[in-house]
N, C-alpha and C. Protein backbone atom coordinates (compact mmCIF):
# COMPACT_ATOMS: atom_id res chain seq x y z
N MET A 1 46.22 -15.76 -20.37
CA MET A 1 45.02 -15.89 -21.20
C MET A 1 43.77 -15.58 -20.37
N GLY A 2 43.75 -16.16 -19.16
CA GLY A 2 42.61 -15.92 -18.28
C GLY A 2 42.48 -14.46 -17.90
N CYS A 3 43.63 -13.80 -17.73
CA CYS A 3 43.63 -12.38 -17.37
C CYS A 3 43.07 -11.53 -18.51
N LEU A 4 43.47 -11.85 -19.74
CA LEU A 4 42.98 -11.11 -20.91
C LEU A 4 41.46 -11.31 -21.08
N LYS A 5 41.01 -12.53 -20.80
CA LYS A 5 39.58 -12.82 -20.92
C LYS A 5 38.78 -12.01 -19.91
N SER A 6 39.33 -11.90 -18.69
CA SER A 6 38.67 -11.13 -17.64
C SER A 6 38.61 -9.66 -18.00
N ILE A 7 39.71 -9.13 -18.55
CA ILE A 7 39.76 -7.71 -18.97
C ILE A 7 38.76 -7.46 -20.09
N PHE A 8 38.69 -8.41 -21.03
CA PHE A 8 37.76 -8.26 -22.16
C PHE A 8 36.31 -8.22 -21.67
N LYS A 9 35.97 -9.06 -20.70
CA LYS A 9 34.61 -9.08 -20.15
C LYS A 9 34.27 -7.75 -19.48
N LYS A 10 35.25 -7.19 -18.76
CA LYS A 10 35.02 -5.92 -18.09
C LYS A 10 34.82 -4.80 -19.10
N ILE A 11 35.63 -4.80 -20.15
CA ILE A 11 35.50 -3.78 -21.20
C ILE A 11 34.15 -3.91 -21.90
N LEU A 12 33.77 -5.14 -22.20
CA LEU A 12 32.50 -5.39 -22.87
C LEU A 12 31.34 -4.90 -21.99
N PHE A 13 31.43 -5.16 -20.69
CA PHE A 13 30.39 -4.72 -19.77
C PHE A 13 30.27 -3.20 -19.77
N ILE A 14 31.42 -2.52 -19.72
CA ILE A 14 31.43 -1.05 -19.72
C ILE A 14 30.84 -0.50 -21.01
N VAL A 15 31.21 -1.13 -22.15
CA VAL A 15 30.68 -0.70 -23.44
C VAL A 15 29.16 -0.86 -23.48
N LEU A 16 28.65 -1.98 -22.96
CA LEU A 16 27.21 -2.22 -22.95
C LEU A 16 26.48 -1.22 -22.06
N VAL A 17 27.08 -0.89 -20.93
CA VAL A 17 26.47 0.09 -20.03
C VAL A 17 26.41 1.46 -20.69
N VAL A 18 27.51 1.85 -21.31
CA VAL A 18 27.56 3.14 -22.00
C VAL A 18 26.52 3.19 -23.12
N ALA A 19 26.43 2.09 -23.88
CA ALA A 19 25.46 2.03 -24.98
C ALA A 19 24.02 2.09 -24.46
N PHE A 20 23.80 1.44 -23.31
CA PHE A 20 22.46 1.43 -22.70
C PHE A 20 21.99 2.86 -22.42
N PHE A 21 22.88 3.66 -21.82
CA PHE A 21 22.50 5.04 -21.50
C PHE A 21 22.50 5.92 -22.74
N ALA A 22 23.45 5.69 -23.63
CA ALA A 22 23.57 6.53 -24.83
C ALA A 22 22.37 6.41 -25.75
N PHE A 23 21.77 5.25 -25.81
CA PHE A 23 20.64 5.03 -26.73
C PHE A 23 19.28 5.04 -26.00
N GLY A 24 19.25 5.70 -24.87
CA GLY A 24 17.97 5.93 -24.19
C GLY A 24 17.44 4.76 -23.38
N GLY A 25 18.30 3.83 -23.03
CA GLY A 25 17.85 2.66 -22.27
C GLY A 25 17.30 3.02 -20.91
N TYR A 26 17.94 3.97 -20.24
CA TYR A 26 17.50 4.37 -18.90
C TYR A 26 16.11 5.01 -18.97
N ALA A 27 15.92 5.90 -19.94
CA ALA A 27 14.63 6.57 -20.10
C ALA A 27 13.54 5.56 -20.43
N PHE A 28 13.88 4.55 -21.24
CA PHE A 28 12.91 3.51 -21.62
C PHE A 28 12.47 2.71 -20.40
N VAL A 29 13.43 2.28 -19.59
CA VAL A 29 13.13 1.50 -18.39
C VAL A 29 12.33 2.34 -17.40
N LYS A 30 12.73 3.61 -17.25
CA LYS A 30 12.04 4.51 -16.33
C LYS A 30 10.58 4.68 -16.73
N GLU A 31 10.33 4.82 -18.03
CA GLU A 31 8.97 4.98 -18.51
C GLU A 31 8.15 3.70 -18.32
N LYS A 32 8.80 2.54 -18.50
CA LYS A 32 8.12 1.26 -18.28
C LYS A 32 7.70 1.12 -16.82
N ILE A 33 8.60 1.51 -15.92
CA ILE A 33 8.29 1.43 -14.49
C ILE A 33 7.14 2.37 -14.15
N ARG A 34 7.21 3.58 -14.69
CA ARG A 34 6.16 4.57 -14.40
C ARG A 34 4.80 4.10 -14.96
N SER A 35 4.80 3.54 -16.15
CA SER A 35 3.53 3.10 -16.74
C SER A 35 2.93 1.94 -15.95
N TYR A 36 3.79 1.12 -15.33
CA TYR A 36 3.29 0.04 -14.47
C TYR A 36 2.70 0.62 -13.18
N GLN A 37 3.42 1.55 -12.56
CA GLN A 37 2.98 2.10 -11.30
C GLN A 37 1.75 3.01 -11.45
N TYR A 38 1.73 3.78 -12.52
CA TYR A 38 0.67 4.78 -12.69
C TYR A 38 -0.08 4.55 -14.01
N PRO A 39 -0.82 3.48 -14.12
CA PRO A 39 -1.58 3.23 -15.34
C PRO A 39 -2.81 4.15 -15.40
N ALA A 40 -3.45 4.22 -16.56
CA ALA A 40 -4.71 4.93 -16.66
C ALA A 40 -5.72 4.29 -15.72
N LYS A 41 -6.66 5.09 -15.24
CA LYS A 41 -7.59 4.59 -14.22
C LYS A 41 -8.36 3.37 -14.71
N ASP A 42 -8.81 3.36 -15.98
CA ASP A 42 -9.59 2.22 -16.46
C ASP A 42 -8.75 0.95 -16.49
N VAL A 43 -7.45 1.09 -16.79
CA VAL A 43 -6.54 -0.06 -16.77
C VAL A 43 -6.37 -0.55 -15.34
N PHE A 44 -6.17 0.39 -14.42
CA PHE A 44 -6.01 0.04 -13.01
C PHE A 44 -7.25 -0.69 -12.49
N VAL A 45 -8.42 -0.15 -12.80
CA VAL A 45 -9.68 -0.75 -12.33
C VAL A 45 -9.81 -2.19 -12.80
N GLN A 46 -9.51 -2.44 -14.07
CA GLN A 46 -9.66 -3.79 -14.62
C GLN A 46 -8.63 -4.76 -14.06
N SER A 47 -7.43 -4.29 -13.81
CA SER A 47 -6.36 -5.20 -13.40
C SER A 47 -6.31 -5.47 -11.90
N GLU A 48 -6.97 -4.63 -11.09
CA GLU A 48 -6.87 -4.78 -9.64
C GLU A 48 -8.21 -5.13 -8.99
N MET A 49 -9.04 -5.85 -9.73
CA MET A 49 -10.35 -6.24 -9.21
C MET A 49 -10.26 -7.18 -8.01
N GLN A 50 -9.10 -7.84 -7.82
CA GLN A 50 -8.97 -8.73 -6.67
C GLN A 50 -8.94 -7.94 -5.35
N TYR A 51 -8.67 -6.62 -5.44
CA TYR A 51 -8.74 -5.77 -4.25
C TYR A 51 -10.16 -5.24 -4.05
N ALA A 52 -10.71 -4.69 -5.11
CA ALA A 52 -12.06 -4.10 -5.07
C ALA A 52 -12.33 -3.52 -6.44
N ASP A 53 -13.55 -3.05 -6.63
CA ASP A 53 -13.89 -2.30 -7.83
C ASP A 53 -13.65 -0.83 -7.50
N PHE A 54 -12.64 -0.23 -8.15
CA PHE A 54 -12.25 1.15 -7.86
C PHE A 54 -12.88 2.16 -8.82
N SER A 55 -13.83 1.74 -9.61
CA SER A 55 -14.37 2.62 -10.66
C SER A 55 -15.09 3.84 -10.10
N SER A 56 -15.55 3.77 -8.85
CA SER A 56 -16.27 4.91 -8.26
C SER A 56 -15.40 5.79 -7.37
N VAL A 57 -14.10 5.51 -7.33
CA VAL A 57 -13.20 6.34 -6.51
C VAL A 57 -13.15 7.75 -7.09
N PRO A 58 -13.33 8.78 -6.27
CA PRO A 58 -13.32 10.16 -6.77
C PRO A 58 -12.00 10.53 -7.46
N ALA A 59 -12.07 11.51 -8.35
CA ALA A 59 -10.92 11.90 -9.16
C ALA A 59 -9.78 12.52 -8.36
N ASP A 60 -10.06 12.98 -7.14
CA ASP A 60 -8.98 13.59 -6.35
C ASP A 60 -8.15 12.55 -5.59
N TYR A 61 -8.39 11.26 -5.88
CA TYR A 61 -7.53 10.18 -5.37
C TYR A 61 -6.77 9.58 -6.56
N GLN A 62 -5.46 9.59 -6.50
CA GLN A 62 -4.65 8.98 -7.55
C GLN A 62 -4.35 7.53 -7.18
N LEU A 63 -4.75 6.61 -8.04
CA LEU A 63 -4.54 5.19 -7.80
C LEU A 63 -3.22 4.75 -8.43
N TYR A 64 -2.42 4.00 -7.70
CA TYR A 64 -1.16 3.53 -8.28
C TYR A 64 -0.71 2.24 -7.59
N ARG A 65 0.16 1.53 -8.30
CA ARG A 65 0.66 0.24 -7.81
C ARG A 65 2.01 0.42 -7.11
N SER A 66 2.35 -0.54 -6.25
CA SER A 66 3.67 -0.60 -5.65
C SER A 66 4.32 -1.92 -6.01
N PHE A 67 5.66 -1.93 -6.02
CA PHE A 67 6.37 -3.18 -6.26
C PHE A 67 6.35 -4.03 -4.99
N ASN A 68 6.24 -5.33 -5.17
CA ASN A 68 6.15 -6.27 -4.06
C ASN A 68 7.57 -6.62 -3.59
N LEU A 69 8.08 -5.82 -2.62
CA LEU A 69 9.45 -6.03 -2.15
C LEU A 69 9.52 -6.68 -0.78
N PHE A 70 8.42 -6.68 -0.04
CA PHE A 70 8.48 -7.14 1.34
C PHE A 70 7.50 -8.27 1.64
N GLY A 71 7.06 -8.97 0.61
CA GLY A 71 6.25 -10.15 0.82
C GLY A 71 4.76 -9.96 0.73
N TYR A 72 4.29 -8.72 0.75
CA TYR A 72 2.86 -8.47 0.67
C TYR A 72 2.58 -7.54 -0.51
N LYS A 73 1.76 -8.02 -1.43
CA LYS A 73 1.39 -7.18 -2.55
C LYS A 73 0.49 -6.05 -2.05
N LYS A 74 0.65 -4.87 -2.65
CA LYS A 74 -0.16 -3.75 -2.19
C LYS A 74 -0.41 -2.78 -3.33
N ILE A 75 -1.49 -2.02 -3.18
CA ILE A 75 -1.79 -0.92 -4.09
C ILE A 75 -2.05 0.31 -3.23
N ASN A 76 -2.04 1.49 -3.87
CA ASN A 76 -2.14 2.73 -3.11
C ASN A 76 -3.11 3.71 -3.73
N ALA A 77 -3.56 4.62 -2.89
CA ALA A 77 -4.32 5.77 -3.35
C ALA A 77 -3.73 7.00 -2.67
N LYS A 78 -3.48 8.05 -3.44
CA LYS A 78 -2.96 9.28 -2.86
C LYS A 78 -4.03 10.36 -3.00
N TYR A 79 -4.39 10.97 -1.88
CA TYR A 79 -5.36 12.06 -1.91
C TYR A 79 -4.60 13.32 -2.35
N LEU A 80 -4.83 13.76 -3.57
CA LEU A 80 -4.01 14.78 -4.20
C LEU A 80 -3.97 16.13 -3.48
N PRO A 81 -5.07 16.62 -2.91
CA PRO A 81 -5.00 17.92 -2.24
C PRO A 81 -4.02 17.98 -1.07
N THR A 82 -3.78 16.84 -0.39
CA THR A 82 -2.88 16.85 0.78
C THR A 82 -1.74 15.84 0.66
N ASN A 83 -1.77 15.00 -0.38
CA ASN A 83 -0.76 13.94 -0.58
C ASN A 83 -0.82 12.82 0.47
N GLN A 84 -1.93 12.72 1.19
CA GLN A 84 -2.06 11.61 2.14
C GLN A 84 -2.19 10.30 1.39
N LYS A 85 -1.42 9.31 1.82
CA LYS A 85 -1.42 8.01 1.15
C LYS A 85 -2.25 6.99 1.91
N ILE A 86 -3.01 6.22 1.16
CA ILE A 86 -3.78 5.10 1.71
C ILE A 86 -3.29 3.84 1.00
N THR A 87 -2.92 2.83 1.75
CA THR A 87 -2.40 1.59 1.18
C THR A 87 -3.34 0.43 1.50
N ILE A 88 -3.56 -0.42 0.52
CA ILE A 88 -4.32 -1.65 0.75
C ILE A 88 -3.37 -2.83 0.52
N PHE A 89 -3.15 -3.61 1.57
CA PHE A 89 -2.29 -4.79 1.50
C PHE A 89 -3.14 -6.02 1.25
N ASP A 90 -2.65 -6.90 0.41
CA ASP A 90 -3.30 -8.20 0.20
C ASP A 90 -2.62 -9.20 1.13
N LEU A 91 -3.26 -9.51 2.25
CA LEU A 91 -2.65 -10.40 3.25
C LEU A 91 -2.82 -11.87 2.92
N LYS A 92 -3.88 -12.20 2.18
CA LYS A 92 -4.17 -13.58 1.75
C LYS A 92 -4.41 -14.51 2.94
N ASP A 93 -3.41 -14.62 3.82
CA ASP A 93 -3.48 -15.57 4.92
C ASP A 93 -4.31 -14.99 6.07
N GLU A 94 -5.50 -15.55 6.31
CA GLU A 94 -6.36 -15.03 7.36
C GLU A 94 -5.87 -15.43 8.75
N ASP A 95 -4.81 -16.26 8.86
CA ASP A 95 -4.25 -16.57 10.17
C ASP A 95 -3.49 -15.36 10.71
N LEU A 96 -3.00 -14.51 9.79
CA LEU A 96 -2.27 -13.32 10.20
C LEU A 96 -3.24 -12.32 10.82
N ILE A 97 -4.34 -12.11 10.16
CA ILE A 97 -5.42 -11.27 10.68
C ILE A 97 -6.69 -11.61 9.92
N ALA A 98 -7.80 -11.53 10.59
CA ALA A 98 -9.10 -11.76 9.95
C ALA A 98 -9.99 -10.57 10.25
N VAL A 99 -10.97 -10.35 9.41
CA VAL A 99 -11.92 -9.25 9.63
C VAL A 99 -12.60 -9.43 10.99
N SER A 100 -12.85 -10.67 11.37
CA SER A 100 -13.52 -10.95 12.65
C SER A 100 -12.72 -10.47 13.86
N ASP A 101 -11.39 -10.29 13.70
CA ASP A 101 -10.56 -9.81 14.80
C ASP A 101 -11.00 -8.42 15.28
N PHE A 102 -11.56 -7.64 14.36
CA PHE A 102 -12.05 -6.31 14.74
C PHE A 102 -13.31 -6.41 15.60
N HIS A 103 -14.06 -7.48 15.41
CA HIS A 103 -15.30 -7.66 16.17
C HIS A 103 -15.05 -8.31 17.53
N THR A 104 -14.08 -9.21 17.59
CA THR A 104 -13.81 -9.94 18.84
C THR A 104 -12.88 -9.17 19.78
N GLY A 105 -12.17 -8.17 19.24
CA GLY A 105 -11.21 -7.44 20.04
C GLY A 105 -9.79 -7.98 19.92
N ALA A 106 -9.63 -9.07 19.17
CA ALA A 106 -8.29 -9.66 19.00
C ALA A 106 -7.35 -8.69 18.30
N ILE A 107 -7.90 -7.76 17.52
CA ILE A 107 -7.07 -6.79 16.80
C ILE A 107 -6.26 -5.92 17.76
N ASP A 108 -6.79 -5.70 18.98
CA ASP A 108 -6.08 -4.87 19.95
C ASP A 108 -4.69 -5.41 20.25
N GLU A 109 -4.58 -6.74 20.30
CA GLU A 109 -3.30 -7.38 20.61
C GLU A 109 -2.44 -7.54 19.35
N LYS A 110 -3.08 -7.62 18.19
CA LYS A 110 -2.34 -7.91 16.96
C LYS A 110 -1.86 -6.67 16.22
N ILE A 111 -2.50 -5.53 16.44
CA ILE A 111 -2.32 -4.39 15.55
C ILE A 111 -0.88 -3.87 15.48
N LYS A 112 -0.21 -3.74 16.60
CA LYS A 112 1.13 -3.16 16.57
C LYS A 112 2.12 -4.08 15.85
N SER A 113 2.09 -5.38 16.16
CA SER A 113 3.00 -6.31 15.48
C SER A 113 2.66 -6.41 14.00
N LEU A 114 1.36 -6.27 13.68
CA LEU A 114 0.93 -6.32 12.29
C LEU A 114 1.50 -5.13 11.52
N LEU A 115 1.43 -3.95 12.10
CA LEU A 115 1.97 -2.75 11.44
C LEU A 115 3.48 -2.86 11.28
N ASP A 116 4.14 -3.45 12.26
CA ASP A 116 5.60 -3.64 12.15
C ASP A 116 5.95 -4.53 10.96
N LYS A 117 5.11 -5.53 10.67
CA LYS A 117 5.35 -6.41 9.54
C LYS A 117 5.05 -5.72 8.21
N MET A 118 4.08 -4.80 8.23
CA MET A 118 3.66 -4.15 6.99
C MET A 118 4.59 -3.03 6.54
N LYS A 119 5.29 -2.42 7.49
CA LYS A 119 6.05 -1.23 7.16
C LYS A 119 7.25 -1.58 6.28
N ASP A 120 7.58 -0.64 5.37
CA ASP A 120 8.75 -0.82 4.50
C ASP A 120 9.74 0.31 4.74
N SER A 121 9.83 0.70 6.00
CA SER A 121 10.76 1.76 6.38
C SER A 121 11.32 1.44 7.76
N PHE A 122 12.15 2.37 8.29
CA PHE A 122 12.81 2.13 9.57
C PHE A 122 12.11 2.81 10.74
N ILE A 123 10.86 3.22 10.54
CA ILE A 123 10.16 3.89 11.63
C ILE A 123 9.86 2.90 12.75
N THR A 124 9.81 3.42 13.95
CA THR A 124 9.51 2.62 15.13
C THR A 124 8.39 3.29 15.90
N TYR A 125 7.34 2.53 16.21
CA TYR A 125 6.19 3.09 16.91
C TYR A 125 6.40 3.01 18.42
N GLU A 126 6.05 4.11 19.10
CA GLU A 126 6.09 4.15 20.56
C GLU A 126 4.79 4.79 21.05
N ASN A 127 4.47 4.57 22.33
CA ASN A 127 3.27 5.17 22.94
C ASN A 127 2.03 4.88 22.10
N PHE A 128 1.93 3.64 21.65
CA PHE A 128 0.83 3.23 20.77
C PHE A 128 -0.47 3.15 21.55
N GLU A 129 -1.53 3.79 21.02
CA GLU A 129 -2.82 3.79 21.73
C GLU A 129 -3.98 3.79 20.73
N ILE A 130 -4.90 2.87 20.91
CA ILE A 130 -6.12 2.84 20.09
C ILE A 130 -7.08 3.87 20.66
N ILE A 131 -7.52 4.81 19.82
CA ILE A 131 -8.34 5.91 20.32
C ILE A 131 -9.78 5.88 19.79
N GLN A 132 -10.04 5.05 18.80
CA GLN A 132 -11.40 4.99 18.26
C GLN A 132 -11.60 3.69 17.49
N LYS A 133 -12.83 3.18 17.49
CA LYS A 133 -13.19 2.04 16.65
C LYS A 133 -14.51 2.36 15.96
N GLY A 134 -14.71 1.79 14.79
CA GLY A 134 -15.95 2.05 14.08
C GLY A 134 -16.09 1.17 12.85
N LYS A 135 -17.01 1.55 11.98
CA LYS A 135 -17.26 0.80 10.74
C LYS A 135 -17.47 1.77 9.59
N PHE A 136 -16.84 1.45 8.46
CA PHE A 136 -17.16 2.10 7.20
C PHE A 136 -18.15 1.19 6.47
N TYR A 137 -18.84 1.74 5.51
CA TYR A 137 -19.71 0.92 4.66
C TYR A 137 -19.36 1.18 3.20
N ALA A 138 -18.71 0.20 2.58
CA ALA A 138 -18.32 0.29 1.18
C ALA A 138 -19.45 -0.27 0.34
N HIS A 139 -20.33 0.62 -0.13
CA HIS A 139 -21.53 0.19 -0.87
C HIS A 139 -22.24 -0.94 -0.13
N LYS A 140 -22.55 -0.68 1.14
CA LYS A 140 -23.33 -1.57 2.02
C LYS A 140 -22.54 -2.73 2.61
N LYS A 141 -21.26 -2.91 2.20
CA LYS A 141 -20.46 -3.96 2.82
C LYS A 141 -19.65 -3.36 3.96
N GLU A 142 -19.72 -4.00 5.11
CA GLU A 142 -19.09 -3.47 6.31
C GLU A 142 -17.57 -3.61 6.28
N VAL A 143 -16.88 -2.53 6.65
CA VAL A 143 -15.42 -2.53 6.76
C VAL A 143 -15.07 -1.99 8.15
N PRO A 144 -14.81 -2.87 9.13
CA PRO A 144 -14.45 -2.39 10.47
C PRO A 144 -13.08 -1.72 10.46
N TYR A 145 -12.92 -0.74 11.35
CA TYR A 145 -11.64 -0.03 11.39
C TYR A 145 -11.35 0.43 12.81
N LEU A 146 -10.11 0.84 13.02
CA LEU A 146 -9.73 1.49 14.27
C LEU A 146 -8.81 2.66 13.94
N VAL A 147 -8.76 3.60 14.87
CA VAL A 147 -7.86 4.75 14.75
C VAL A 147 -6.90 4.68 15.93
N PHE A 148 -5.61 4.90 15.67
CA PHE A 148 -4.63 4.86 16.74
C PHE A 148 -3.76 6.12 16.71
N SER A 149 -3.17 6.42 17.82
CA SER A 149 -2.17 7.48 17.90
C SER A 149 -0.86 6.85 18.35
N ALA A 150 0.23 7.45 17.95
CA ALA A 150 1.54 6.91 18.33
C ALA A 150 2.60 7.98 18.14
N SER A 151 3.73 7.75 18.77
CA SER A 151 4.92 8.53 18.51
C SER A 151 5.86 7.65 17.69
N VAL A 152 6.58 8.25 16.78
CA VAL A 152 7.47 7.45 15.93
C VAL A 152 8.87 8.05 15.90
N LYS A 153 9.82 7.18 15.65
CA LYS A 153 11.21 7.60 15.47
C LYS A 153 11.56 7.55 13.99
N ASN A 154 12.63 8.22 13.64
CA ASN A 154 13.21 8.16 12.29
C ASN A 154 12.35 8.80 11.21
N VAL A 155 11.52 9.76 11.59
CA VAL A 155 10.76 10.53 10.60
C VAL A 155 10.80 12.00 11.02
N PRO A 156 10.53 12.92 10.07
CA PRO A 156 10.59 14.35 10.42
C PRO A 156 9.58 14.77 11.48
N PHE A 157 8.43 14.10 11.54
CA PHE A 157 7.43 14.43 12.55
C PHE A 157 7.37 13.30 13.57
N LYS A 158 6.87 13.60 14.75
CA LYS A 158 6.91 12.59 15.81
C LYS A 158 5.55 12.00 16.14
N ASP A 159 4.51 12.81 16.19
CA ASP A 159 3.19 12.32 16.59
C ASP A 159 2.34 12.03 15.36
N VAL A 160 1.81 10.82 15.29
CA VAL A 160 1.02 10.42 14.14
C VAL A 160 -0.34 9.88 14.58
N VAL A 161 -1.25 9.88 13.61
CA VAL A 161 -2.54 9.22 13.77
C VAL A 161 -2.68 8.26 12.59
N GLY A 162 -3.15 7.07 12.87
CA GLY A 162 -3.30 6.08 11.80
C GLY A 162 -4.69 5.48 11.79
N VAL A 163 -5.13 5.11 10.60
CA VAL A 163 -6.40 4.40 10.43
C VAL A 163 -6.10 3.04 9.84
N VAL A 164 -6.64 2.00 10.45
CA VAL A 164 -6.43 0.63 9.97
C VAL A 164 -7.79 -0.05 9.86
N GLY A 165 -8.11 -0.58 8.69
CA GLY A 165 -9.35 -1.29 8.50
C GLY A 165 -9.11 -2.59 7.75
N ALA A 166 -10.12 -3.44 7.68
CA ALA A 166 -9.95 -4.72 6.99
C ALA A 166 -11.26 -5.16 6.37
N TYR A 167 -11.13 -5.88 5.26
CA TYR A 167 -12.29 -6.49 4.62
C TYR A 167 -11.82 -7.72 3.86
N SER A 168 -12.76 -8.54 3.45
CA SER A 168 -12.43 -9.74 2.67
C SER A 168 -13.03 -9.58 1.28
N ASN A 169 -12.22 -9.87 0.27
CA ASN A 169 -12.66 -9.75 -1.11
C ASN A 169 -12.24 -11.01 -1.87
N LEU A 170 -12.98 -11.39 -2.88
CA LEU A 170 -12.61 -12.56 -3.67
C LEU A 170 -11.43 -12.25 -4.57
N ASN A 171 -10.42 -13.12 -4.55
CA ASN A 171 -9.26 -12.91 -5.41
C ASN A 171 -9.51 -13.48 -6.81
N LYS A 172 -8.45 -13.56 -7.61
CA LYS A 172 -8.60 -14.03 -8.99
C LYS A 172 -9.08 -15.47 -9.08
N ASN A 173 -8.80 -16.24 -8.03
CA ASN A 173 -9.25 -17.64 -7.99
C ASN A 173 -10.61 -17.80 -7.32
N GLN A 174 -11.28 -16.65 -7.10
CA GLN A 174 -12.61 -16.63 -6.46
C GLN A 174 -12.58 -17.20 -5.05
N LYS A 175 -11.45 -17.01 -4.37
CA LYS A 175 -11.33 -17.39 -2.97
C LYS A 175 -11.21 -16.13 -2.12
N PRO A 176 -11.78 -16.14 -0.91
CA PRO A 176 -11.71 -14.94 -0.07
C PRO A 176 -10.28 -14.62 0.36
N SER A 177 -9.95 -13.35 0.33
CA SER A 177 -8.61 -12.92 0.69
C SER A 177 -8.72 -11.66 1.54
N THR A 178 -7.99 -11.63 2.67
CA THR A 178 -8.06 -10.51 3.58
C THR A 178 -7.29 -9.31 3.04
N LYS A 179 -7.92 -8.14 3.07
CA LYS A 179 -7.27 -6.91 2.64
C LYS A 179 -7.17 -5.97 3.86
N LEU A 180 -6.01 -5.39 4.04
CA LEU A 180 -5.77 -4.48 5.15
C LEU A 180 -5.57 -3.07 4.61
N ILE A 181 -6.38 -2.13 5.10
CA ILE A 181 -6.28 -0.72 4.71
C ILE A 181 -5.48 0.01 5.77
N VAL A 182 -4.45 0.74 5.36
CA VAL A 182 -3.61 1.46 6.31
C VAL A 182 -3.34 2.87 5.80
N SER A 183 -3.53 3.86 6.65
CA SER A 183 -3.16 5.23 6.33
C SER A 183 -2.64 5.89 7.60
N ILE A 184 -1.40 6.39 7.56
CA ILE A 184 -0.76 6.99 8.73
C ILE A 184 -0.25 8.38 8.35
N VAL A 185 -0.63 9.38 9.14
CA VAL A 185 -0.25 10.76 8.83
C VAL A 185 0.21 11.50 10.07
N ASP A 186 0.87 12.61 9.84
CA ASP A 186 1.22 13.53 10.91
C ASP A 186 -0.07 13.92 11.65
N LYS A 187 -0.03 13.88 12.95
CA LYS A 187 -1.22 14.17 13.76
C LYS A 187 -1.85 15.50 13.39
N LYS A 188 -1.02 16.50 13.07
CA LYS A 188 -1.52 17.84 12.74
C LYS A 188 -2.30 17.84 11.42
N ALA A 189 -2.02 16.87 10.55
CA ALA A 189 -2.66 16.84 9.23
C ALA A 189 -3.81 15.84 9.17
N TYR A 190 -4.11 15.18 10.26
CA TYR A 190 -5.14 14.13 10.23
C TYR A 190 -6.51 14.69 9.87
N ASN A 191 -7.15 14.03 8.93
CA ASN A 191 -8.50 14.39 8.50
C ASN A 191 -9.26 13.08 8.30
N SER A 192 -10.21 12.80 9.17
CA SER A 192 -10.89 11.50 9.15
C SER A 192 -11.67 11.24 7.87
N SER A 193 -12.08 12.29 7.16
CA SER A 193 -12.91 12.11 5.97
C SER A 193 -12.12 11.58 4.78
N ILE A 194 -10.80 11.75 4.76
CA ILE A 194 -10.00 11.33 3.60
C ILE A 194 -10.06 9.82 3.41
N VAL A 195 -9.84 9.06 4.47
CA VAL A 195 -9.92 7.60 4.38
C VAL A 195 -11.37 7.16 4.23
N LYS A 196 -12.25 7.79 4.97
CA LYS A 196 -13.67 7.41 4.90
C LYS A 196 -14.22 7.56 3.48
N ASN A 197 -13.96 8.68 2.83
CA ASN A 197 -14.49 8.91 1.49
C ASN A 197 -13.93 7.92 0.47
N PHE A 198 -12.67 7.54 0.68
CA PHE A 198 -12.06 6.55 -0.22
C PHE A 198 -12.69 5.18 -0.03
N VAL A 199 -12.76 4.73 1.21
CA VAL A 199 -13.28 3.37 1.49
C VAL A 199 -14.74 3.25 1.07
N THR A 200 -15.54 4.25 1.35
CA THR A 200 -16.96 4.15 1.03
C THR A 200 -17.23 4.18 -0.48
N SER A 201 -16.21 4.55 -1.26
CA SER A 201 -16.38 4.55 -2.72
C SER A 201 -16.08 3.18 -3.34
N LEU A 202 -15.51 2.26 -2.57
CA LEU A 202 -15.12 0.96 -3.09
C LEU A 202 -16.34 0.04 -3.23
N ARG A 203 -16.25 -0.84 -4.19
CA ARG A 203 -17.25 -1.91 -4.36
C ARG A 203 -16.54 -3.23 -4.10
N ILE A 204 -16.96 -3.91 -3.03
CA ILE A 204 -16.30 -5.13 -2.59
C ILE A 204 -17.18 -6.33 -2.88
N LYS A 205 -16.56 -7.41 -3.37
CA LYS A 205 -17.33 -8.63 -3.67
C LYS A 205 -17.71 -9.36 -2.39
């Protein structure tokens, strides 16, 4: 009896799976996922105000969401002419990193381990070197940043340049929350204006 029940459950499962695909279930789920990741810009702007006001971001940056798989919620912007990605992580916990770390120099010791925590791939950074520090101004609000160079494993290219910046913005509960901006590209494709133009278009609370 138990064997027949087990066989029946397996058959029922197979029938349900077949029906799911036969009646467009996969296409429906795929479209739902896409609509979440790539909403219309006005929808994105209204729903992601805890990061910043993105209403002034130029049209050549595509704004989209990512799924929270590694503990840190994040949103992205892709610069369409070159496909360079810029990610903003919501760190929340200022013990992990604070904007003041860029001013005190503490970021120099924290940056590599911080990037290791943020990554959602198997890349490994080597020969890590900070090559520049500066400030962006997002509608008059200061966003300190640094530029680093590194060699990486497990990717088609080896030498990269990365930009890392931070700012604090009020979240949905009107409490300050640290945001980390990260963009890493092949050294040959690095263009400093791509991140700068994006960050300076943001309106931060």
